[in-house]
């Protein structure tokens, strides 16, 4: 399917070392490199960077 090729599911893992993950989709045309987002980590109760894992 074209949808899966252009917008694959990715896992975002917390950089705080808690192992918490978010699952989202990303557009490969706009973001060909690994994605980094600042999101809330409930285990440390603050916002931290989440990086795309492969």
PDB file of N, CA and C in Angstrom:
ATOM      1  N   UNK A   1       0.820  -1.185   0.000  1.00  0.00           N
ATOM      2  CA  UNK A   1       0.000   0.000   0.000  1.00  0.00           C
ATOM      3  C   UNK A   1       0.869   1.256   0.000  1.00  0.00           C
ATOM      4  N   UNK A   2       0.406   2.277  -0.653  1.00  0.00           N
ATOM      5  CA  UNK A   2       1.149   3.527  -0.699  1.00  0.00           C
ATOM      6  C   UNK A   2       1.146   4.226   0.654  1.00  0.00           C
ATOM      7  N   UNK A   3       0.077   4.049   1.419  1.00  0.00           N
ATOM      8  CA  UNK A   3      -0.013   4.725   2.710  1.00  0.00           C
ATOM      9  C   UNK A   3       1.083   4.249   3.660  1.00  0.00           C
ATOM     10  N   UNK A   4       1.337   2.967   3.703  1.00  0.00           N
ATOM     11  CA  UNK A   4       2.353   2.433   4.602  1.00  0.00           C
ATOM     12  C   UNK A   4       3.762   2.833   4.184  1.00  0.00           C
ATOM     13  N   UNK A   5       3.983   3.026   2.906  1.00  0.00           N
ATOM     14  CA  UNK A   5       5.317   3.391   2.443  1.00  0.00           C
ATOM     15  C   UNK A   5       5.644   4.842   2.759  1.00  0.00           C
ATOM     16  N   UNK A   6       4.668   5.723   2.603  1.00  0.00           N
ATOM     17  CA  UNK A   6       4.916   7.142   2.819  1.00  0.00           C
ATOM     18  C   UNK A   6       4.844   7.522   4.295  1.00  0.00           C
ATOM     19  N   UNK A   7       3.913   6.945   5.023  1.00  0.00           N
ATOM     20  CA  UNK A   7       3.743   7.272   6.441  1.00  0.00           C
ATOM     21  C   UNK A   7       3.833   6.010   7.297  1.00  0.00           C
ATOM     22  N   UNK A   8       5.040   5.535   7.572  1.00  0.00           N
ATOM     23  CA  UNK A   8       5.163   4.314   8.380  1.00  0.00           C
ATOM     24  C   UNK A   8       4.945   4.593   9.867  1.00  0.00           C
ATOM     25  N   UNK A   9       4.581   3.554  10.609  1.00  0.00           N
ATOM     26  CA  UNK A   9       4.484   3.651  12.060  1.00  0.00           C
ATOM     27  C   UNK A   9       5.896   3.673  12.627  1.00  0.00           C
ATOM     28  N   UNK A  10       6.147   4.545  13.592  1.00  0.00           N
ATOM     29  CA  UNK A  10       7.453   4.599  14.244  1.00  0.00           C
ATOM     30  C   UNK A  10       7.245   4.610  15.752  1.00  0.00           C
ATOM     31  N   UNK A  11       8.265   4.167  16.489  1.00  0.00           N
ATOM     32  CA  UNK A  11       8.256   4.227  17.944  1.00  0.00           C
ATOM     33  C   UNK A  11       9.168   5.354  18.381  1.00  0.00           C
ATOM     34  N   UNK A  12       8.685   6.144  19.333  1.00  0.00           N
ATOM     35  CA  UNK A  12       9.493   7.202  19.932  1.00  0.00           C
ATOM     36  C   UNK A  12       9.828   6.764  21.352  1.00  0.00           C
ATOM     37  N   UNK A  13      11.128   6.635  21.664  1.00  0.00           N
ATOM     38  CA  UNK A  13      11.561   6.177  22.980  1.00  0.00           C
ATOM     39  C   UNK A  13      12.146   7.335  23.778  1.00  0.00           C
ATOM     40  N   UNK A  14      11.845   7.375  25.057  1.00  0.00           N
ATOM     41  CA  UNK A  14      12.290   8.446  25.945  1.00  0.00           C
ATOM     42  C   UNK A  14      13.806   8.432  26.108  1.00  0.00           C
ATOM     43  N   UNK A  15      14.411   9.628  26.137  1.00  0.00           N
ATOM     44  CA  UNK A  15      15.856   9.734  26.362  1.00  0.00           C
ATOM     45  C   UNK A  15      16.177   9.784  27.849  1.00  0.00           C
ATOM     46  N   UNK A  16      15.155   9.761  28.715  1.00  0.00           N
ATOM     47  CA  UNK A  16      15.380   9.796  30.160  1.00  0.00           C
ATOM     48  C   UNK A  16      15.775   8.421  30.703  1.00  0.00           C
ATOM     49  N   UNK A  17      15.736   7.392  29.853  1.00  0.00           N
ATOM     50  CA  UNK A  17      16.142   6.062  30.283  1.00  0.00           C
ATOM     51  C   UNK A  17      15.058   5.280  30.991  1.00  0.00           C
ATOM     52  N   UNK A  18      13.809   5.709  30.862  1.00  0.00           N
ATOM     53  CA  UNK A  18      12.715   5.016  31.540  1.00  0.00           C
ATOM     54  C   UNK A  18      12.137   3.887  30.698  1.00  0.00           C
ATOM     55  N   UNK A  19      12.398   3.898  29.398  1.00  0.00           N
ATOM     56  CA  UNK A  19      11.853   2.872  28.520  1.00  0.00           C
ATOM     57  C   UNK A  19      10.455   3.177  28.029  1.00  0.00           C
ATOM     58  N   UNK A  20       9.906   4.332  28.361  1.00  0.00           N
ATOM     59  CA  UNK A  20       8.563   4.714  27.927  1.00  0.00           C
ATOM     60  C   UNK A  20       8.580   5.048  26.442  1.00  0.00           C
ATOM     61  N   UNK A  21       7.538   4.623  25.705  1.00  0.00           N
ATOM     62  CA  UNK A  21       7.476   4.865  24.267  1.00  0.00           C
ATOM     63  C   UNK A  21       6.125   5.439  23.861  1.00  0.00           C
ATOM     64  N   UNK A  22       6.146   6.185  22.776  1.00  0.00           N
ATOM     65  CA  UNK A  22       4.951   6.630  22.076  1.00  0.00           C
ATOM     66  C   UNK A  22       5.006   6.020  20.677  1.00  0.00           C
ATOM     67  N   UNK A  23       3.841   5.765  20.069  1.00  0.00           N
ATOM     68  CA  UNK A  23       3.778   5.268  18.699  1.00  0.00           C
ATOM     69  C   UNK A  23       3.047   6.309  17.865  1.00  0.00           C
ATOM     70  N   UNK A  24       3.631   6.655  16.713  1.00  0.00           N
ATOM     71  CA  UNK A  24       3.041   7.655  15.837  1.00  0.00           C
ATOM     72  C   UNK A  24       3.414   7.338  14.395  1.00  0.00           C
ATOM     73  N   UNK A  25       2.926   8.140  13.474  1.00  0.00           N
ATOM     74  CA  UNK A  25       3.293   8.014  12.066  1.00  0.00           C
ATOM     75  C   UNK A  25       4.140   9.200  11.668  1.00  0.00           C
ATOM     76  N   UNK A  26       5.016   9.006  10.667  1.00  0.00           N
ATOM     77  CA  UNK A  26       5.823  10.119  10.180  1.00  0.00           C
ATOM     78  C   UNK A  26       5.827  10.113   8.666  1.00  0.00           C
ATOM     79  N   UNK A  27       5.975  11.300   8.101  1.00  0.00           N
ATOM     80  CA  UNK A  27       6.040  11.461   6.660  1.00  0.00           C
ATOM     81  C   UNK A  27       7.508  11.368   6.244  1.00  0.00           C
ATOM     82  N   UNK A  28       7.850  10.369   5.462  1.00  0.00           N
ATOM     83  CA  UNK A  28       9.248  10.174   5.063  1.00  0.00           C
ATOM     84  C   UNK A  28       9.763  11.259   4.127  1.00  0.00           C
ATOM     85  N   UNK A  29       8.882  11.866   3.357  1.00  0.00           N
ATOM     86  CA  UNK A  29       9.325  12.935   2.455  1.00  0.00           C
ATOM     87  C   UNK A  29       9.758  14.167   3.232  1.00  0.00           C
ATOM     88  N   UNK A  30       9.008  14.534   4.263  1.00  0.00           N
ATOM     89  CA  UNK A  30       9.336  15.728   5.042  1.00  0.00           C
ATOM     90  C   UNK A  30      10.426  15.478   6.075  1.00  0.00           C
ATOM     91  N   UNK A  31      10.484  14.275   6.642  1.00  0.00           N
ATOM     92  CA  UNK A  31      11.443  13.937   7.697  1.00  0.00           C
ATOM     93  C   UNK A  31      12.174  12.647   7.366  1.00  0.00           C
ATOM     94  N   UNK A  32      13.148  12.691   6.458  1.00  0.00           N
ATOM     95  CA  UNK A  32      13.852  11.451   6.112  1.00  0.00           C
ATOM     96  C   UNK A  32      14.785  10.963   7.218  1.00  0.00           C
ATOM     97  N   UNK A  33      15.256  11.876   8.084  1.00  0.00           N
ATOM     98  CA  UNK A  33      16.147  11.495   9.173  1.00  0.00           C
ATOM     99  C   UNK A  33      15.333  11.058  10.388  1.00  0.00           C
ATOM    100  N   UNK A  34      16.046  10.662  11.446  1.00  0.00           N
ATOM    101  CA  UNK A  34      15.352  10.258  12.662  1.00  0.00           C
ATOM    102  C   UNK A  34      14.654  11.448  13.293  1.00  0.00           C
ATOM    103  N   UNK A  35      13.455  11.206  13.771  1.00  0.00           N
ATOM    104  CA  UNK A  35      12.611  12.247  14.342  1.00  0.00           C
ATOM    105  C   UNK A  35      12.896  12.407  15.831  1.00  0.00           C
ATOM    106  N   UNK A  36      12.925  13.656  16.306  1.00  0.00           N
ATOM    107  CA  UNK A  36      13.067  13.952  17.731  1.00  0.00           C
ATOM    108  C   UNK A  36      11.962  14.917  18.136  1.00  0.00           C
ATOM    109  N   UNK A  37      11.176  14.523  19.129  1.00  0.00           N
ATOM    110  CA  UNK A  37      10.084  15.358  19.628  1.00  0.00           C
ATOM    111  C   UNK A  37      10.195  15.491  21.142  1.00  0.00           C
ATOM    112  N   UNK A  38       9.731  16.610  21.661  1.00  0.00           N
ATOM    113  CA  UNK A  38       9.709  16.825  23.105  1.00  0.00           C
ATOM    114  C   UNK A  38       8.303  16.493  23.595  1.00  0.00           C
ATOM    115  N   UNK A  39       8.196  15.422  24.408  1.00  0.00           N
ATOM    116  CA  UNK A  39       6.896  14.955  24.874  1.00  0.00           C
ATOM    117  C   UNK A  39       6.965  14.655  26.369  1.00  0.00           C
ATOM    118  N   UNK A  40       5.802  14.448  26.959  1.00  0.00           N
ATOM    119  CA  UNK A  40       5.705  14.199  28.395  1.00  0.00           C
ATOM    120  C   UNK A  40       6.026  12.743  28.724  1.00  0.00           C
ATOM    121  N   UNK A  41       6.915  12.535  29.690  1.00  0.00           N
ATOM    122  CA  UNK A  41       7.230  11.197  30.182  1.00  0.00           C
ATOM    123  C   UNK A  41       6.581  11.038  31.555  1.00  0.00           C
ATOM    124  N   UNK A  42       5.539  10.217  31.677  1.00  0.00           N
ATOM    125  CA  UNK A  42       4.828  10.093  32.951  1.00  0.00           C
ATOM    126  C   UNK A  42       5.656   9.435  34.049  1.00  0.00           C
ATOM    127  N   UNK A  43       6.690   8.727  33.711  1.00  0.00           N
ATOM    128  CA  UNK A  43       7.497   8.058  34.732  1.00  0.00           C
ATOM    129  C   UNK A  43       8.416   9.022  35.471  1.00  0.00           C
ATOM    130  N   UNK A  44       8.892  10.055  34.789  1.00  0.00           N
ATOM    131  CA  UNK A  44       9.714  11.071  35.461  1.00  0.00           C
ATOM    132  C   UNK A  44       8.925  12.354  35.715  1.00  0.00           C
ATOM    133  N   UNK A  45       7.674  12.391  35.238  1.00  0.00           N
ATOM    134  CA  UNK A  45       6.740  13.502  35.438  1.00  0.00           C
ATOM    135  C   UNK A  45       7.264  14.828  34.913  1.00  0.00           C
ATOM    136  N   UNK A  46       7.859  14.804  33.721  1.00  0.00           N
ATOM    137  CA  UNK A  46       8.285  16.036  33.063  1.00  0.00           C
ATOM    138  C   UNK A  46       8.436  15.781  31.573  1.00  0.00           C
ATOM    139  N   UNK A  47       8.628  16.851  30.819  1.00  0.00           N
ATOM    140  CA  UNK A  47       8.827  16.736  29.379  1.00  0.00           C
ATOM    141  C   UNK A  47      10.287  16.439  29.083  1.00  0.00           C
ATOM    142  N   UNK A  48      10.523  15.467  28.219  1.00  0.00           N
ATOM    143  CA  UNK A  48      11.873  15.097  27.798  1.00  0.00           C
ATOM    144  C   UNK A  48      11.860  14.871  26.298  1.00  0.00           C
ATOM    145  N   UNK A  49      13.039  14.744  25.703  1.00  0.00           N
ATOM    146  CA  UNK A  49      13.148  14.449  24.278  1.00  0.00           C
ATOM    147  C   UNK A  49      12.856  12.974  24.037  1.00  0.00           C
ATOM    148  N   UNK A  50      12.107  12.723  22.986  1.00  0.00           N
ATOM    149  CA  UNK A  50      11.819  11.361  22.529  1.00  0.00           C
ATOM    150  C   UNK A  50      12.439  11.231  21.152  1.00  0.00           C
ATOM    151  N   UNK A  51      13.212  10.152  20.930  1.00  0.00           N
ATOM    152  CA  UNK A  51      13.867   9.943  19.647  1.00  0.00           C
ATOM    153  C   UNK A  51      13.298   8.720  18.956  1.00  0.00           C
ATOM    154  N   UNK A  52      13.270   8.786  17.652  1.00  0.00           N
ATOM    155  CA  UNK A  52      12.785   7.660  16.847  1.00  0.00           C
ATOM    156  C   UNK A  52      13.751   6.494  16.999  1.00  0.00           C
ATOM    157  N   UNK A  53      13.197   5.321  17.227  1.00  0.00           N
ATOM    158  CA  UNK A  53      14.029   4.119  17.317  1.00  0.00           C
ATOM    159  C   UNK A  53      13.736   3.247  16.118  1.00  0.00           C
ATOM    160  N   UNK A  54      14.724   2.498  15.686  1.00  0.00           N
ATOM    161  CA  UNK A  54      14.562   1.640  14.518  1.00  0.00           C
ATOM    162  C   UNK A  54      14.650   0.192  14.893  1.00  0.00           C
TER     163      UNK A  54
END
